[in-house]
Amino acid sequence: MFIRIKKIKGLEYAYLVKSVWKDKTARQKVVQYLGKVYILNKTNTAAFETFCKEENKNIENADLKAMIQALMEWTLSQQGFAKDPLVQKKWLLQNGKIVGDPEKLKITSGKKEISLKINDGYMNSFTLKELLNIQLNKKTEEQRQAATLLAKAFVDAGIQVPQDIFIEIFQKVYQ
């Protein structure tokens, strides 16, 4: 499965699609609508370690979900998001029109889920949950192949991971 972007009346929308064979030809079947695509430009380049200290995040002893949530928050902060003063667990952009919720691994605008085009990927509930649920197995995959799969999952979610954090996450998920 992969994400396909459709342009409709000048606006982009993200869909999760899979290829299916029908009458000896390949067709794309929409599996899930992932929302309108918002393209953001990187604004802040604060180091991840500095971000963790400012936000009081202890990454060294965190589980996989907490690490992904911290990386999501860091990526959102780089894109101009700021913490919601009322609900500290949510991140806001553009006067609250776009909300990033690391707790639920969702990006919304109003009540609708959306996709953010960040770096070389799309941050949305699908790519973030795929990252959280990635299974790498020593029995079936070589270490290099498993690392490539994990790196691709981060790129697909639009998250650039510092090398030392990537190694730490890889060690947690490569069983």
Protein backbone atom coordinates (compact mmCIF):
# COMPACT_ATOMS: atom_id res chain seq x y z
CA MET A 1 0.00 0.00 0.00
CA PHE A 2 1.10 3.54 -0.59
CA ILE A 3 -0.13 7.13 -0.37
CA ARG A 4 -1.48 8.69 -3.54
CA ILE A 5 -2.13 12.41 -3.89
CA LYS A 6 -5.03 13.57 -6.04
CA LYS A 7 -5.38 17.15 -7.19
CA ILE A 8 -9.02 18.26 -7.27
CA LYS A 9 -9.84 21.86 -8.22
CA GLY A 10 -6.28 22.91 -7.38
CA LEU A 11 -6.28 21.31 -3.91
CA GLU A 12 -4.42 18.15 -2.94
CA TYR A 13 -5.98 15.22 -1.09
CA ALA A 14 -4.21 12.11 0.25
CA TYR A 15 -5.51 8.56 -0.19
CA LEU A 16 -4.14 5.22 0.94
CA VAL A 17 -4.29 2.95 -2.10
CA LYS A 18 -3.32 -0.59 -2.99
CA SER A 19 -2.75 -2.23 -6.35
CA VAL A 20 -5.13 -4.99 -7.41
CA TRP A 21 -5.16 -7.10 -10.55
CA LYS A 22 -8.35 -7.09 -12.60
CA ASP A 23 -8.64 -8.57 -16.09
CA LYS A 24 -4.85 -8.89 -16.44
CA THR A 25 -4.28 -5.19 -15.65
CA ALA A 26 -3.25 -3.48 -12.46
CA ARG A 27 -5.71 -1.06 -10.89
CA GLN A 28 -5.49 1.14 -7.84
CA LYS A 29 -8.11 0.68 -5.15
CA VAL A 30 -8.64 3.34 -2.49
CA VAL A 31 -8.38 1.79 0.95
CA GLN A 32 -8.71 4.93 3.09
CA TYR A 33 -9.09 8.68 2.70
CA LEU A 34 -6.28 10.42 4.59
CA GLY A 35 -7.50 14.00 4.31
CA LYS A 36 -6.61 17.26 2.66
CA VAL A 37 -2.89 17.88 2.23
CA TYR A 38 -1.32 20.95 3.80
CA ILE A 39 2.22 21.74 2.68
CA LEU A 40 4.45 23.23 5.37
CA ASN A 41 7.90 24.72 5.08
CA LYS A 42 10.55 24.07 7.70
CA THR A 43 10.86 27.14 9.90
CA ASN A 44 12.87 26.19 12.96
CA THR A 45 15.92 23.97 13.15
CA ALA A 46 16.27 23.48 16.90
CA ALA A 47 18.21 20.38 17.87
CA PHE A 48 16.19 17.44 19.13
CA GLU A 49 18.22 17.23 22.33
CA THR A 50 17.50 20.91 23.11
CA PHE A 51 13.81 20.34 22.42
CA CYS A 52 13.73 17.37 24.80
CA LYS A 53 15.38 19.38 27.57
CA GLU A 54 12.96 22.30 27.10
CA GLU A 55 9.94 19.98 27.09
CA ASN A 56 11.27 17.85 29.97
CA LYS A 57 11.28 14.67 27.90
CA ASN A 58 13.39 11.73 29.03
CA ILE A 59 13.99 9.89 25.76
CA GLU A 60 16.64 7.45 26.99
CA ASN A 61 14.21 5.39 29.05
CA ALA A 62 11.10 5.99 26.93
CA ASP A 63 9.15 3.27 25.16
CA LEU A 64 8.65 3.31 21.38
CA LYS A 65 5.35 5.24 21.48
CA ALA A 66 6.79 7.96 23.72
CA MET A 67 9.80 8.32 21.39
CA ILE A 68 7.57 8.61 18.31
CA GLN A 69 5.36 11.14 20.12
CA ALA A 70 8.43 13.21 21.06
CA LEU A 71 9.71 13.09 17.47
CA MET A 72 6.25 14.10 16.21
CA GLU A 73 6.18 17.05 18.64
CA TRP A 74 9.71 18.07 17.60
CA THR A 75 8.80 17.90 13.91
CA LEU A 76 5.64 19.96 14.52
CA SER A 77 7.65 22.54 16.50
CA GLN A 78 10.04 22.84 13.54
CA GLN A 79 7.04 23.62 11.31
CA GLY A 80 5.82 26.53 13.44
CA PHE A 81 3.41 24.67 15.73
CA ALA A 82 3.21 25.78 19.36
CA LYS A 83 1.76 24.10 22.44
CA ASP A 84 -1.90 24.77 23.11
CA PRO A 85 -2.00 26.90 26.30
CA LEU A 86 -5.24 25.18 27.38
CA VAL A 87 -4.43 21.57 26.47
CA GLN A 88 -0.67 21.10 26.88
CA LYS A 89 -0.67 17.77 25.01
CA LYS A 90 -1.83 19.35 21.74
CA TRP A 91 0.11 21.48 19.26
CA LEU A 92 -1.50 24.30 17.26
CA LEU A 93 -0.75 26.02 13.96
CA GLN A 94 -2.50 28.98 12.33
CA ASN A 95 -4.63 30.12 15.26
CA GLY A 96 -5.72 26.59 16.08
CA LYS A 97 -6.99 25.67 12.61
CA ILE A 98 -4.53 22.79 12.39
CA VAL A 99 -4.04 20.68 15.52
CA GLY A 100 -1.36 18.05 16.07
CA ASP A 101 -2.23 15.53 18.78
CA PRO A 102 0.80 13.33 19.58
CA GLU A 103 -1.20 11.50 22.25
CA LYS A 104 -3.59 10.13 19.58
CA LEU A 105 -1.06 10.33 16.71
CA LYS A 106 -3.44 12.52 14.67
CA ILE A 107 -3.38 15.76 12.70
CA THR A 108 -6.74 17.52 12.32
CA SER A 109 -8.30 20.66 10.93
CA GLY A 110 -11.60 21.25 12.65
CA LYS A 111 -13.04 17.77 13.11
CA LYS A 112 -11.48 16.32 9.96
CA GLU A 113 -8.21 14.41 9.81
CA ILE A 114 -5.65 15.86 7.40
CA SER A 115 -2.19 15.08 6.04
CA LEU A 116 0.81 17.38 6.40
CA LYS A 117 3.43 17.28 3.67
CA ILE A 118 6.63 17.62 5.67
CA ASN A 119 10.16 16.97 4.44
CA ASP A 120 9.80 14.05 1.99
CA GLY A 121 6.70 12.43 3.50
CA TYR A 122 3.16 12.87 4.75
CA MET A 123 2.40 13.07 8.44
CA ASN A 124 -1.05 11.66 9.12
CA SER A 125 -2.66 9.09 11.38
CA PHE A 126 -1.86 6.24 8.97
CA THR A 127 1.89 6.90 8.59
CA LEU A 128 2.32 7.60 12.32
CA LYS A 129 0.50 4.39 13.34
CA GLU A 130 2.47 2.41 10.74
CA LEU A 131 5.63 3.72 12.36
CA LEU A 132 4.38 2.76 15.81
CA ASN A 133 3.37 -0.74 14.68
CA ILE A 134 6.49 -1.55 12.67
CA GLN A 135 7.70 -5.07 13.30
CA LEU A 136 11.29 -5.94 12.51
CA ASN A 137 12.31 -9.53 13.03
CA LYS A 138 15.90 -10.83 13.28
CA LYS A 139 14.77 -14.21 11.99
CA THR A 140 13.40 -12.94 8.67
CA GLU A 141 15.35 -9.73 7.97
CA GLU A 142 19.00 -8.83 7.91
CA GLN A 143 19.97 -5.87 10.07
CA ARG A 144 20.60 -3.58 7.08
CA GLN A 145 17.25 -4.49 5.49
CA ALA A 146 15.42 -3.93 8.79
CA ALA A 147 17.12 -0.54 9.29
CA THR A 148 16.07 0.47 5.77
CA LEU A 149 12.44 -0.45 6.52
CA LEU A 150 12.48 1.62 9.72
CA ALA A 151 14.13 4.59 7.99
CA LYS A 152 11.53 4.43 5.19
CA ALA A 153 8.71 4.47 7.77
CA PHE A 154 10.18 7.66 9.28
CA VAL A 155 10.58 9.30 5.86
CA ASP A 156 7.00 8.32 4.91
CA ALA A 157 5.78 10.05 8.10
CA GLY A 158 7.81 13.19 7.34
CA ILE A 159 10.04 12.82 10.39
CA GLN A 160 13.79 13.41 10.16
CA VAL A 161 15.34 11.48 13.02
CA PRO A 162 18.71 12.35 14.57
CA GLN A 163 21.14 9.46 14.04
CA ASP A 164 21.64 8.58 17.71
CA ILE A 165 17.86 8.52 18.32
CA PHE A 166 17.35 6.35 15.21
CA ILE A 167 19.87 3.81 16.53
CA GLU A 168 18.13 3.77 19.89
CA ILE A 169 14.72 3.21 18.29
CA PHE A 170 16.13 0.55 15.97
CA GLN A 171 17.53 -1.37 18.93
CA LYS A 172 14.11 -1.27 20.59
CA VAL A 173 12.16 -2.58 17.59
CA TYR A 174 14.67 -5.00 16.03
CA GLN A 175 13.86 -8.16 17.95
